[in-house]
Amino acid sequence: MPKTKPQEQGTIHMTTGNRLSLPPGSFPEGVRDFHFEIQKDGSILLTPLFMIPATQRYFWTRRWQEGEREADEAARTGRVKHFDDVEDLVKEIRRVKRSKR
């Protein structure tokens, strides 16, 4: 058995997880590896590492995620409008623009 120190980083591969007899669904979809930490009580904390394609990284930046939370809050509190077609949207944009003059 390998010797490790608290806060040491390593990976556990899917085949290792299978050898540990973890039930199906133990690994969320997209997880390839885990970060693990040995806790003071001797238990091991596994944190899944998700693979994010380079073309998607921007969407996981702090700035983008803050905007997502803001948009979710606006939708939750009814501060959004829905339009049946583009023409209605354009009319509303023009109306708001005129009212701000």
N, C-alpha and C. Protein backbone atom coordinates (compact mmCIF):
# COMPACT_ATOMS: atom_id res chain seq x y z
N MET A 1 0.85 -1.18 0.00
CA MET A 1 0.00 0.00 0.00
C MET A 1 0.89 1.24 0.00
N PRO A 2 0.64 2.22 -0.90
CA PRO A 2 1.48 3.41 -0.95
C PRO A 2 1.31 4.27 0.29
N LYS A 3 2.41 4.89 0.70
CA LYS A 3 2.35 5.80 1.85
C LYS A 3 2.01 7.19 1.35
N THR A 4 1.10 7.85 2.05
CA THR A 4 0.70 9.19 1.66
C THR A 4 0.72 10.10 2.88
N LYS A 5 0.73 11.38 2.63
CA LYS A 5 0.71 12.38 3.69
C LYS A 5 -0.59 13.17 3.59
N PRO A 6 -1.05 13.79 4.70
CA PRO A 6 -2.25 14.62 4.60
C PRO A 6 -2.09 15.66 3.50
N GLN A 7 -3.16 15.90 2.77
CA GLN A 7 -3.22 16.87 1.68
C GLN A 7 -2.44 16.44 0.46
N GLU A 8 -1.95 15.22 0.41
CA GLU A 8 -1.25 14.75 -0.78
C GLU A 8 -2.26 14.55 -1.90
N GLN A 9 -1.86 14.84 -3.11
CA GLN A 9 -2.77 14.76 -4.25
C GLN A 9 -2.43 13.54 -5.08
N GLY A 10 -3.46 12.91 -5.60
CA GLY A 10 -3.27 11.76 -6.47
C GLY A 10 -4.54 11.55 -7.27
N THR A 11 -4.58 10.48 -8.02
CA THR A 11 -5.78 10.17 -8.80
C THR A 11 -6.19 8.74 -8.55
N ILE A 12 -7.50 8.50 -8.69
CA ILE A 12 -8.02 7.14 -8.64
C ILE A 12 -8.72 6.93 -9.98
N HIS A 13 -8.31 5.96 -10.72
CA HIS A 13 -8.85 5.74 -12.05
C HIS A 13 -10.09 4.87 -11.99
N MET A 14 -10.90 4.93 -13.04
CA MET A 14 -12.15 4.19 -13.08
C MET A 14 -11.93 2.70 -12.80
N THR A 15 -10.84 2.13 -13.30
CA THR A 15 -10.61 0.71 -13.08
C THR A 15 -10.37 0.43 -11.60
N THR A 16 -9.69 1.35 -10.92
CA THR A 16 -9.47 1.19 -9.48
C THR A 16 -10.80 1.25 -8.76
N GLY A 17 -11.64 2.20 -9.16
CA GLY A 17 -12.97 2.30 -8.55
C GLY A 17 -13.75 1.02 -8.72
N ASN A 18 -13.63 0.39 -9.88
CA ASN A 18 -14.32 -0.87 -10.11
C ASN A 18 -13.78 -1.96 -9.19
N ARG A 19 -12.48 -1.97 -8.96
CA ARG A 19 -11.89 -2.96 -8.06
C ARG A 19 -12.32 -2.73 -6.62
N LEU A 20 -12.70 -1.49 -6.28
CA LEU A 20 -13.17 -1.20 -4.93
C LEU A 20 -14.62 -1.61 -4.74
N SER A 21 -15.24 -2.17 -5.77
CA SER A 21 -16.62 -2.62 -5.74
C SER A 21 -17.59 -1.48 -5.44
N LEU A 22 -17.32 -0.30 -6.02
CA LEU A 22 -18.24 0.81 -5.87
C LEU A 22 -19.46 0.55 -6.75
N PRO A 23 -20.66 0.82 -6.25
CA PRO A 23 -21.86 0.53 -7.03
C PRO A 23 -21.97 1.42 -8.26
N PRO A 24 -22.71 0.97 -9.29
CA PRO A 24 -22.92 1.79 -10.48
C PRO A 24 -23.50 3.15 -10.08
N GLY A 25 -23.04 4.20 -10.75
CA GLY A 25 -23.51 5.54 -10.43
C GLY A 25 -22.67 6.24 -9.38
N SER A 26 -21.65 5.55 -8.85
CA SER A 26 -20.78 6.17 -7.85
C SER A 26 -19.95 7.29 -8.46
N PHE A 27 -19.68 7.18 -9.76
CA PHE A 27 -18.90 8.19 -10.46
C PHE A 27 -19.86 9.02 -11.31
N PRO A 28 -20.01 10.33 -11.05
CA PRO A 28 -20.86 11.15 -11.92
C PRO A 28 -20.34 11.14 -13.35
N GLU A 29 -21.25 11.33 -14.31
CA GLU A 29 -20.86 11.34 -15.71
C GLU A 29 -19.84 12.44 -15.96
N GLY A 30 -18.79 12.16 -16.70
CA GLY A 30 -17.77 13.14 -17.01
C GLY A 30 -16.58 13.09 -16.08
N VAL A 31 -16.68 12.35 -14.97
CA VAL A 31 -15.57 12.26 -14.03
C VAL A 31 -14.54 11.28 -14.56
N ARG A 32 -13.30 11.72 -14.61
CA ARG A 32 -12.23 10.84 -15.07
C ARG A 32 -11.27 10.51 -13.93
N ASP A 33 -11.08 11.45 -13.02
CA ASP A 33 -10.16 11.26 -11.91
C ASP A 33 -10.74 11.89 -10.66
N PHE A 34 -10.05 11.66 -9.54
CA PHE A 34 -10.43 12.25 -8.27
C PHE A 34 -9.21 12.89 -7.62
N HIS A 35 -9.46 13.96 -6.90
CA HIS A 35 -8.46 14.50 -5.98
C HIS A 35 -8.78 13.83 -4.65
N PHE A 36 -7.77 13.38 -3.93
CA PHE A 36 -8.08 12.80 -2.64
C PHE A 36 -7.23 13.41 -1.55
N GLU A 37 -7.84 13.50 -0.37
CA GLU A 37 -7.16 14.01 0.82
C GLU A 37 -7.38 13.04 1.96
N ILE A 38 -6.32 12.75 2.68
CA ILE A 38 -6.46 11.92 3.86
C ILE A 38 -6.81 12.85 5.03
N GLN A 39 -7.93 12.59 5.65
CA GLN A 39 -8.42 13.42 6.75
C GLN A 39 -7.72 13.04 8.06
N LYS A 40 -7.85 13.91 9.06
CA LYS A 40 -7.21 13.66 10.36
C LYS A 40 -7.67 12.36 11.00
N ASP A 41 -8.94 11.98 10.73
CA ASP A 41 -9.46 10.74 11.32
C ASP A 41 -9.06 9.50 10.51
N GLY A 42 -8.26 9.70 9.46
CA GLY A 42 -7.80 8.58 8.64
C GLY A 42 -8.69 8.27 7.46
N SER A 43 -9.85 8.91 7.37
CA SER A 43 -10.73 8.68 6.22
C SER A 43 -10.15 9.40 5.00
N ILE A 44 -10.61 9.01 3.84
CA ILE A 44 -10.14 9.61 2.59
C ILE A 44 -11.30 10.37 1.96
N LEU A 45 -11.07 11.63 1.66
CA LEU A 45 -12.06 12.47 1.00
C LEU A 45 -11.73 12.49 -0.48
N LEU A 46 -12.66 11.99 -1.31
CA LEU A 46 -12.50 12.00 -2.76
C LEU A 46 -13.31 13.15 -3.35
N THR A 47 -12.68 13.97 -4.18
CA THR A 47 -13.36 15.05 -4.87
C THR A 47 -13.26 14.79 -6.36
N PRO A 48 -14.42 14.62 -7.05
CA PRO A 48 -14.35 14.31 -8.48
C PRO A 48 -13.77 15.46 -9.29
N LEU A 49 -12.97 15.12 -10.29
CA LEU A 49 -12.40 16.09 -11.22
C LEU A 49 -13.10 15.90 -12.57
N PHE A 50 -13.77 16.94 -13.02
CA PHE A 50 -14.49 16.89 -14.28
C PHE A 50 -13.60 17.43 -15.39
N MET A 51 -13.71 16.83 -16.54
CA MET A 51 -12.95 17.28 -17.70
C MET A 51 -13.80 18.31 -18.44
N ILE A 52 -13.27 19.51 -18.63
CA ILE A 52 -13.98 20.57 -19.34
C ILE A 52 -13.25 20.82 -20.66
N PRO A 53 -13.93 20.67 -21.79
CA PRO A 53 -13.28 20.93 -23.07
C PRO A 53 -12.80 22.39 -23.14
N ALA A 54 -11.69 22.61 -23.81
CA ALA A 54 -11.11 23.96 -23.90
C ALA A 54 -12.12 24.97 -24.44
N THR A 55 -12.98 24.55 -25.36
CA THR A 55 -13.96 25.48 -25.93
C THR A 55 -15.04 25.87 -24.93
N GLN A 56 -15.12 25.17 -23.80
CA GLN A 56 -16.15 25.45 -22.80
C GLN A 56 -15.60 26.11 -21.54
N ARG A 57 -14.30 26.27 -21.43
CA ARG A 57 -13.69 26.80 -20.20
C ARG A 57 -14.23 28.16 -19.79
N TYR A 58 -14.47 29.04 -20.76
CA TYR A 58 -14.93 30.38 -20.43
C TYR A 58 -16.23 30.34 -19.62
N PHE A 59 -17.08 29.37 -19.95
CA PHE A 59 -18.38 29.29 -19.28
C PHE A 59 -18.26 28.85 -17.82
N TRP A 60 -17.08 28.44 -17.41
CA TRP A 60 -16.85 28.04 -16.02
C TRP A 60 -16.00 29.06 -15.27
N THR A 61 -15.75 30.22 -15.87
CA THR A 61 -15.02 31.27 -15.16
C THR A 61 -15.92 31.89 -14.10
N ARG A 62 -15.32 32.49 -13.11
CA ARG A 62 -16.08 33.14 -12.04
C ARG A 62 -17.03 34.18 -12.62
N ARG A 63 -16.54 34.99 -13.57
CA ARG A 63 -17.36 36.06 -14.15
C ARG A 63 -18.61 35.48 -14.82
N TRP A 64 -18.43 34.44 -15.63
CA TRP A 64 -19.58 33.86 -16.33
C TRP A 64 -20.56 33.23 -15.33
N GLN A 65 -20.05 32.51 -14.35
CA GLN A 65 -20.92 31.86 -13.38
C GLN A 65 -21.70 32.87 -12.54
N GLU A 66 -21.08 34.01 -12.22
CA GLU A 66 -21.79 35.07 -11.51
C GLU A 66 -22.94 35.60 -12.36
N GLY A 67 -22.70 35.77 -13.66
CA GLY A 67 -23.75 36.19 -14.57
C GLY A 67 -24.87 35.17 -14.65
N GLU A 68 -24.52 33.90 -14.64
CA GLU A 68 -25.53 32.83 -14.66
C GLU A 68 -26.41 32.91 -13.41
N ARG A 69 -25.78 33.11 -12.25
CA ARG A 69 -26.55 33.22 -11.01
C ARG A 69 -27.46 34.43 -11.04
N GLU A 70 -26.96 35.55 -11.57
CA GLU A 70 -27.77 36.77 -11.70
C GLU A 70 -28.97 36.54 -12.62
N ALA A 71 -28.74 35.88 -13.73
CA ALA A 71 -29.83 35.59 -14.67
C ALA A 71 -30.85 34.64 -14.05
N ASP A 72 -30.37 33.63 -13.32
CA ASP A 72 -31.29 32.70 -12.65
C ASP A 72 -32.16 33.44 -11.63
N GLU A 73 -31.54 34.36 -10.90
CA GLU A 73 -32.28 35.15 -9.90
C GLU A 73 -33.32 36.04 -10.59
N ALA A 74 -32.95 36.66 -11.70
CA ALA A 74 -33.89 37.51 -12.44
C ALA A 74 -35.08 36.67 -12.92
N ALA A 75 -34.82 35.50 -13.42
CA ALA A 75 -35.91 34.63 -13.89
C ALA A 75 -36.78 34.18 -12.72
N ARG A 76 -36.13 33.84 -11.61
CA ARG A 76 -36.87 33.36 -10.43
C ARG A 76 -37.79 34.43 -9.87
N THR A 77 -37.37 35.69 -9.93
CA THR A 77 -38.15 36.79 -9.35
C THR A 77 -39.03 37.49 -10.38
N GLY A 78 -39.10 36.95 -11.59
CA GLY A 78 -40.00 37.50 -12.59
C GLY A 78 -39.50 38.75 -13.29
N ARG A 79 -38.20 39.00 -13.26
CA ARG A 79 -37.64 40.18 -13.92
C ARG A 79 -37.18 39.87 -15.33
N VAL A 80 -37.90 39.02 -16.02
CA VAL A 80 -37.60 38.70 -17.41
C VAL A 80 -38.88 38.81 -18.23
N LYS A 81 -38.73 39.01 -19.50
CA LYS A 81 -39.89 39.08 -20.41
C LYS A 81 -39.71 38.02 -21.48
N HIS A 82 -40.83 37.49 -21.91
CA HIS A 82 -40.81 36.49 -22.98
C HIS A 82 -41.54 37.06 -24.19
N PHE A 83 -41.03 36.77 -25.36
CA PHE A 83 -41.61 37.27 -26.59
C PHE A 83 -41.91 36.11 -27.53
N ASP A 84 -43.02 36.24 -28.24
CA ASP A 84 -43.41 35.18 -29.16
C ASP A 84 -42.60 35.20 -30.45
N ASP A 85 -42.10 36.39 -30.80
CA ASP A 85 -41.30 36.48 -32.03
C ASP A 85 -40.35 37.67 -31.93
N VAL A 86 -39.45 37.74 -32.88
CA VAL A 86 -38.41 38.76 -32.89
C VAL A 86 -39.00 40.16 -33.04
N GLU A 87 -40.05 40.27 -33.84
CA GLU A 87 -40.66 41.59 -34.04
C GLU A 87 -41.16 42.19 -32.73
N ASP A 88 -41.79 41.37 -31.88
CA ASP A 88 -42.25 41.88 -30.59
C ASP A 88 -41.07 42.29 -29.70
N LEU A 89 -40.00 41.54 -29.77
CA LEU A 89 -38.80 41.90 -29.01
C LEU A 89 -38.25 43.25 -29.47
N VAL A 90 -38.15 43.45 -30.78
CA VAL A 90 -37.64 44.71 -31.33
C VAL A 90 -38.54 45.87 -30.92
N LYS A 91 -39.85 45.68 -30.96
CA LYS A 91 -40.78 46.73 -30.54
C LYS A 91 -40.54 47.12 -29.08
N GLU A 92 -40.33 46.11 -28.23
CA GLU A 92 -40.09 46.39 -26.81
C GLU A 92 -38.77 47.13 -26.61
N ILE A 93 -37.74 46.74 -27.32
CA ILE A 93 -36.44 47.42 -27.22
C ILE A 93 -36.60 48.89 -27.62
N ARG A 94 -37.30 49.13 -28.71
CA ARG A 94 -37.52 50.51 -29.16
C ARG A 94 -38.35 51.31 -28.16
N ARG A 95 -39.36 50.67 -27.58
CA ARG A 95 -40.20 51.33 -26.59
C ARG A 95 -39.38 51.74 -25.38
N VAL A 96 -38.57 50.83 -24.88
CA VAL A 96 -37.74 51.12 -23.71
C VAL A 96 -36.72 52.22 -24.05
N LYS A 97 -36.15 52.14 -25.22
CA LYS A 97 -35.16 53.13 -25.66
C LYS A 97 -35.80 54.52 -25.70
N ARG A 98 -37.02 54.62 -26.26
CA ARG A 98 -37.72 55.93 -26.33
C ARG A 98 -38.05 56.45 -24.93
N SER A 99 -38.41 55.56 -24.03
CA SER A 99 -38.80 56.01 -22.68
C SER A 99 -37.61 56.51 -21.87
N LYS A 100 -36.41 56.14 -22.26
CA LYS A 100 -35.20 56.59 -21.55
C LYS A 100 -34.65 57.90 -22.05
N ARG A 101 -35.24 58.47 -23.11
CA ARG A 101 -34.76 59.72 -23.68
C ARG A 101 -35.22 60.89 -22.86
